[in-house]
């Protein structure tokens, strides 16, 4: 059970780190009258845009792989090498 909690925490930290790197999340702070205000911004439009790009890349990769597999293989003009000579006694 403890390992599951650790894995979930690591996944959350990874997603948050990726989100800050990609610009999905932002944090701003302001200090007035001795009070600190912290504002967290989530850019849902950027998240949806990046999701669409990722899905398109996955779609392109899968179709590229399917095209390579489905394409008929070309017959090679190479012939088998000649047999090796046997030693004479």
N, C-alpha and C. Protein backbone atom coordinates (compact mmCIF):
# COMPACT_ATOMS: atom_id res chain seq x y z
N UNK A 1 0.82 -1.19 0.00
CA UNK A 1 0.00 0.00 0.00
C UNK A 1 0.87 1.25 0.00
N UNK A 2 1.97 1.20 0.75
CA UNK A 2 2.86 2.35 0.83
C UNK A 2 3.52 2.62 -0.52
N UNK A 3 3.83 1.58 -1.24
CA UNK A 3 4.46 1.74 -2.56
C UNK A 3 3.48 2.40 -3.52
N UNK A 4 2.21 2.04 -3.44
CA UNK A 4 1.19 2.64 -4.30
C UNK A 4 1.08 4.14 -4.04
N UNK A 5 1.11 4.54 -2.79
CA UNK A 5 1.04 5.96 -2.45
C UNK A 5 2.27 6.70 -2.99
N UNK A 6 3.43 6.08 -2.87
CA UNK A 6 4.66 6.70 -3.38
C UNK A 6 4.59 6.86 -4.89
N UNK A 7 4.09 5.86 -5.59
CA UNK A 7 3.97 5.93 -7.05
C UNK A 7 3.00 7.04 -7.45
N UNK A 8 1.88 7.14 -6.75
CA UNK A 8 0.89 8.19 -7.07
C UNK A 8 1.49 9.57 -6.83
N UNK A 9 2.20 9.74 -5.72
CA UNK A 9 2.84 11.04 -5.43
C UNK A 9 3.87 11.38 -6.50
N UNK A 10 4.65 10.41 -6.91
CA UNK A 10 5.65 10.66 -7.97
C UNK A 10 4.99 11.03 -9.29
N UNK A 11 3.87 10.39 -9.62
CA UNK A 11 3.15 10.73 -10.84
C UNK A 11 2.60 12.16 -10.78
N UNK A 12 2.04 12.53 -9.64
CA UNK A 12 1.51 13.89 -9.48
C UNK A 12 2.64 14.91 -9.60
N UNK A 13 3.76 14.66 -8.95
CA UNK A 13 4.90 15.58 -9.03
C UNK A 13 5.41 15.66 -10.47
N UNK A 14 5.44 14.55 -11.17
CA UNK A 14 5.88 14.55 -12.56
C UNK A 14 4.95 15.35 -13.45
N UNK A 15 3.64 15.19 -13.27
CA UNK A 15 2.67 15.94 -14.08
C UNK A 15 2.75 17.43 -13.78
N UNK A 16 2.89 17.79 -12.50
CA UNK A 16 3.00 19.20 -12.14
C UNK A 16 4.29 19.79 -12.71
N UNK A 17 5.38 19.07 -12.62
CA UNK A 17 6.64 19.54 -13.19
C UNK A 17 6.55 19.72 -14.70
N UNK A 18 5.96 18.75 -15.37
CA UNK A 18 5.76 18.85 -16.82
C UNK A 18 4.85 20.02 -17.15
N UNK A 19 3.82 20.22 -16.33
CA UNK A 19 2.89 21.32 -16.56
C UNK A 19 3.56 22.68 -16.45
N UNK A 20 4.43 22.85 -15.46
CA UNK A 20 5.16 24.11 -15.35
C UNK A 20 6.12 24.29 -16.51
N UNK A 21 6.78 23.20 -16.92
CA UNK A 21 7.72 23.27 -18.05
C UNK A 21 7.00 23.63 -19.34
N UNK A 22 5.82 23.05 -19.58
CA UNK A 22 5.07 23.30 -20.80
C UNK A 22 4.27 24.60 -20.76
N UNK A 23 4.18 25.24 -19.60
CA UNK A 23 3.43 26.48 -19.48
C UNK A 23 1.95 26.28 -19.22
N UNK A 24 1.59 25.10 -18.72
CA UNK A 24 0.19 24.82 -18.42
C UNK A 24 -0.23 25.48 -17.11
N UNK A 25 0.72 25.62 -16.18
CA UNK A 25 0.44 26.19 -14.87
C UNK A 25 1.32 27.41 -14.66
N UNK A 26 0.82 28.34 -13.87
CA UNK A 26 1.60 29.50 -13.50
C UNK A 26 1.29 29.89 -12.07
N UNK A 27 2.28 30.47 -11.40
CA UNK A 27 2.10 30.91 -10.02
C UNK A 27 2.58 32.34 -9.93
N UNK A 28 1.78 33.18 -9.29
CA UNK A 28 2.16 34.58 -9.07
C UNK A 28 1.83 34.93 -7.62
N UNK A 29 2.62 35.83 -7.06
CA UNK A 29 2.35 36.25 -5.69
C UNK A 29 2.38 37.77 -5.61
N UNK A 30 1.63 38.28 -4.64
CA UNK A 30 1.53 39.72 -4.44
C UNK A 30 1.47 39.96 -2.93
N UNK A 31 2.15 40.99 -2.47
CA UNK A 31 2.17 41.28 -1.05
C UNK A 31 1.68 42.71 -0.83
N UNK A 32 0.51 42.83 -0.24
CA UNK A 32 -0.02 44.15 0.09
C UNK A 32 -0.55 44.13 1.52
N UNK A 33 -0.35 45.19 2.22
CA UNK A 33 -0.83 45.36 3.59
C UNK A 33 -0.36 44.23 4.51
N UNK A 34 0.82 43.73 4.27
CA UNK A 34 1.34 42.67 5.11
C UNK A 34 0.71 41.31 4.85
N UNK A 35 -0.10 41.22 3.82
CA UNK A 35 -0.73 39.95 3.47
C UNK A 35 -0.19 39.49 2.12
N UNK A 36 0.07 38.22 2.04
CA UNK A 36 0.59 37.66 0.79
C UNK A 36 -0.55 36.95 0.06
N UNK A 37 -0.70 37.30 -1.21
CA UNK A 37 -1.72 36.68 -2.06
C UNK A 37 -0.98 35.82 -3.10
N UNK A 38 -1.37 34.58 -3.17
CA UNK A 38 -0.77 33.66 -4.14
C UNK A 38 -1.85 33.27 -5.14
N UNK A 39 -1.51 33.40 -6.41
CA UNK A 39 -2.46 33.09 -7.47
C UNK A 39 -1.89 31.97 -8.34
N UNK A 40 -2.68 30.93 -8.51
CA UNK A 40 -2.30 29.81 -9.38
C UNK A 40 -3.17 29.88 -10.62
N UNK A 41 -2.52 29.85 -11.79
CA UNK A 41 -3.23 29.93 -13.06
C UNK A 41 -3.07 28.61 -13.81
N UNK A 42 -4.18 28.11 -14.34
CA UNK A 42 -4.16 26.90 -15.17
C UNK A 42 -4.63 27.30 -16.56
N UNK A 43 -3.76 27.10 -17.56
CA UNK A 43 -4.07 27.47 -18.95
C UNK A 43 -4.68 26.26 -19.65
N UNK A 44 -6.01 26.14 -19.57
CA UNK A 44 -6.68 24.96 -20.15
C UNK A 44 -6.60 24.96 -21.67
N UNK A 45 -6.56 26.14 -22.29
CA UNK A 45 -6.44 26.18 -23.75
C UNK A 45 -5.10 25.60 -24.20
N UNK A 46 -4.03 25.93 -23.48
CA UNK A 46 -2.69 25.41 -23.80
C UNK A 46 -2.66 23.89 -23.59
N UNK A 47 -3.31 23.43 -22.53
CA UNK A 47 -3.35 21.99 -22.26
C UNK A 47 -4.05 21.25 -23.40
N UNK A 48 -5.20 21.78 -23.83
CA UNK A 48 -5.94 21.14 -24.92
C UNK A 48 -5.17 21.19 -26.23
N UNK A 49 -4.48 22.30 -26.48
CA UNK A 49 -3.67 22.42 -27.70
C UNK A 49 -2.54 21.39 -27.71
N UNK A 50 -1.83 21.26 -26.58
CA UNK A 50 -0.74 20.29 -26.49
C UNK A 50 -1.26 18.86 -26.54
N UNK A 51 -2.44 18.63 -25.99
CA UNK A 51 -3.05 17.30 -26.07
C UNK A 51 -3.35 16.93 -27.52
N UNK A 52 -3.87 17.90 -28.28
CA UNK A 52 -4.16 17.66 -29.70
C UNK A 52 -2.89 17.37 -30.48
N UNK A 53 -1.82 18.12 -30.18
CA UNK A 53 -0.54 17.89 -30.86
C UNK A 53 0.00 16.49 -30.54
N UNK A 54 -0.09 16.10 -29.27
CA UNK A 54 0.42 14.79 -28.87
C UNK A 54 -0.38 13.67 -29.54
N UNK A 55 -1.70 13.82 -29.57
CA UNK A 55 -2.53 12.80 -30.22
C UNK A 55 -2.24 12.71 -31.71
N UNK A 56 -1.99 13.85 -32.34
CA UNK A 56 -1.67 13.86 -33.77
C UNK A 56 -0.33 13.15 -34.02
N UNK A 57 0.66 13.39 -33.15
CA UNK A 57 1.95 12.72 -33.31
C UNK A 57 1.81 11.21 -33.15
N UNK A 58 1.03 10.79 -32.14
CA UNK A 58 0.82 9.36 -31.94
C UNK A 58 0.10 8.76 -33.14
N UNK A 59 -0.89 9.48 -33.65
CA UNK A 59 -1.64 9.01 -34.83
C UNK A 59 -0.71 8.88 -36.03
N UNK A 60 0.15 9.88 -36.25
CA UNK A 60 1.08 9.83 -37.37
C UNK A 60 2.07 8.68 -37.22
N UNK A 61 2.57 8.47 -36.00
CA UNK A 61 3.52 7.39 -35.79
C UNK A 61 2.89 6.02 -36.02
N UNK A 62 1.65 5.86 -35.58
CA UNK A 62 1.02 4.55 -35.76
C UNK A 62 0.72 4.29 -37.23
N UNK A 63 0.31 5.32 -37.97
CA UNK A 63 0.04 5.10 -39.39
C UNK A 63 1.32 4.92 -40.18
N UNK A 64 2.40 5.56 -39.78
CA UNK A 64 3.68 5.35 -40.45
C UNK A 64 4.13 3.91 -40.26
N UNK A 65 3.98 3.40 -39.05
CA UNK A 65 4.35 2.01 -38.78
C UNK A 65 3.48 1.03 -39.54
N UNK A 66 2.18 1.31 -39.63
CA UNK A 66 1.28 0.42 -40.36
C UNK A 66 1.59 0.44 -41.85
N UNK A 67 1.95 1.62 -42.39
CA UNK A 67 2.28 1.71 -43.81
C UNK A 67 3.54 0.90 -44.12
N UNK A 68 4.51 0.95 -43.23
CA UNK A 68 5.75 0.20 -43.45
C UNK A 68 5.48 -1.31 -43.41
N UNK A 69 4.62 -1.73 -42.50
CA UNK A 69 4.32 -3.15 -42.38
C UNK A 69 3.47 -3.61 -43.55
N UNK A 70 2.52 -2.78 -43.99
CA UNK A 70 1.60 -3.18 -45.04
C UNK A 70 2.23 -3.11 -46.43
N UNK A 71 3.30 -2.32 -46.59
CA UNK A 71 3.92 -2.18 -47.90
C UNK A 71 4.57 -3.49 -48.30
N UNK A 72 4.39 -3.89 -49.58
CA UNK A 72 5.03 -5.13 -50.03
C UNK A 72 6.54 -4.96 -50.06
N UNK A 73 7.22 -5.98 -49.64
CA UNK A 73 8.68 -5.90 -49.62
C UNK A 73 9.22 -6.06 -51.03
N UNK A 74 10.28 -5.34 -51.29
CA UNK A 74 10.91 -5.42 -52.62
C UNK A 74 11.79 -6.66 -52.66
N UNK A 75 11.78 -7.32 -53.80
CA UNK A 75 12.64 -8.48 -53.96
C UNK A 75 14.05 -8.00 -54.25
N UNK A 76 14.96 -8.60 -53.60
CA UNK A 76 16.35 -8.20 -53.76
C UNK A 76 16.94 -8.89 -54.99
N UNK A 77 17.80 -8.15 -55.69
CA UNK A 77 18.47 -8.71 -56.85
C UNK A 77 19.73 -9.47 -56.44
N UNK A 78 20.03 -9.40 -55.16
CA UNK A 78 21.21 -10.10 -54.67
C UNK A 78 20.96 -11.60 -54.74
N UNK A 79 21.99 -12.31 -55.11
CA UNK A 79 21.89 -13.76 -55.16
C UNK A 79 22.65 -14.32 -53.98
N UNK A 80 22.39 -15.55 -53.68
CA UNK A 80 23.11 -16.21 -52.59
C UNK A 80 24.58 -16.29 -52.97
N UNK A 81 25.48 -16.17 -52.01
CA UNK A 81 26.91 -16.26 -52.33
C UNK A 81 27.25 -17.67 -52.80
N UNK A 82 28.28 -17.77 -53.62
CA UNK A 82 28.67 -19.11 -54.10
C UNK A 82 29.13 -19.97 -52.91
N UNK A 83 28.97 -21.26 -53.05
CA UNK A 83 29.39 -22.15 -51.94
C UNK A 83 30.89 -22.08 -51.73
N UNK A 84 31.29 -22.26 -50.50
CA UNK A 84 32.73 -22.24 -50.17
C UNK A 84 33.39 -23.51 -50.70
N UNK A 85 34.61 -23.37 -51.21
CA UNK A 85 35.29 -24.59 -51.70
C UNK A 85 35.65 -25.51 -50.54
N UNK A 86 35.57 -26.78 -50.80
CA UNK A 86 35.92 -27.76 -49.77
C UNK A 86 37.40 -28.07 -49.88
N UNK A 87 38.06 -28.32 -48.78
CA UNK A 87 39.51 -28.63 -48.84
C UNK A 87 39.72 -30.00 -49.50
N UNK A 88 40.75 -30.09 -50.31
CA UNK A 88 41.08 -31.35 -50.99
C UNK A 88 42.19 -32.04 -50.23
N UNK A 89 42.06 -33.31 -50.07
CA UNK A 89 43.09 -34.09 -49.37
C UNK A 89 43.99 -34.74 -50.33
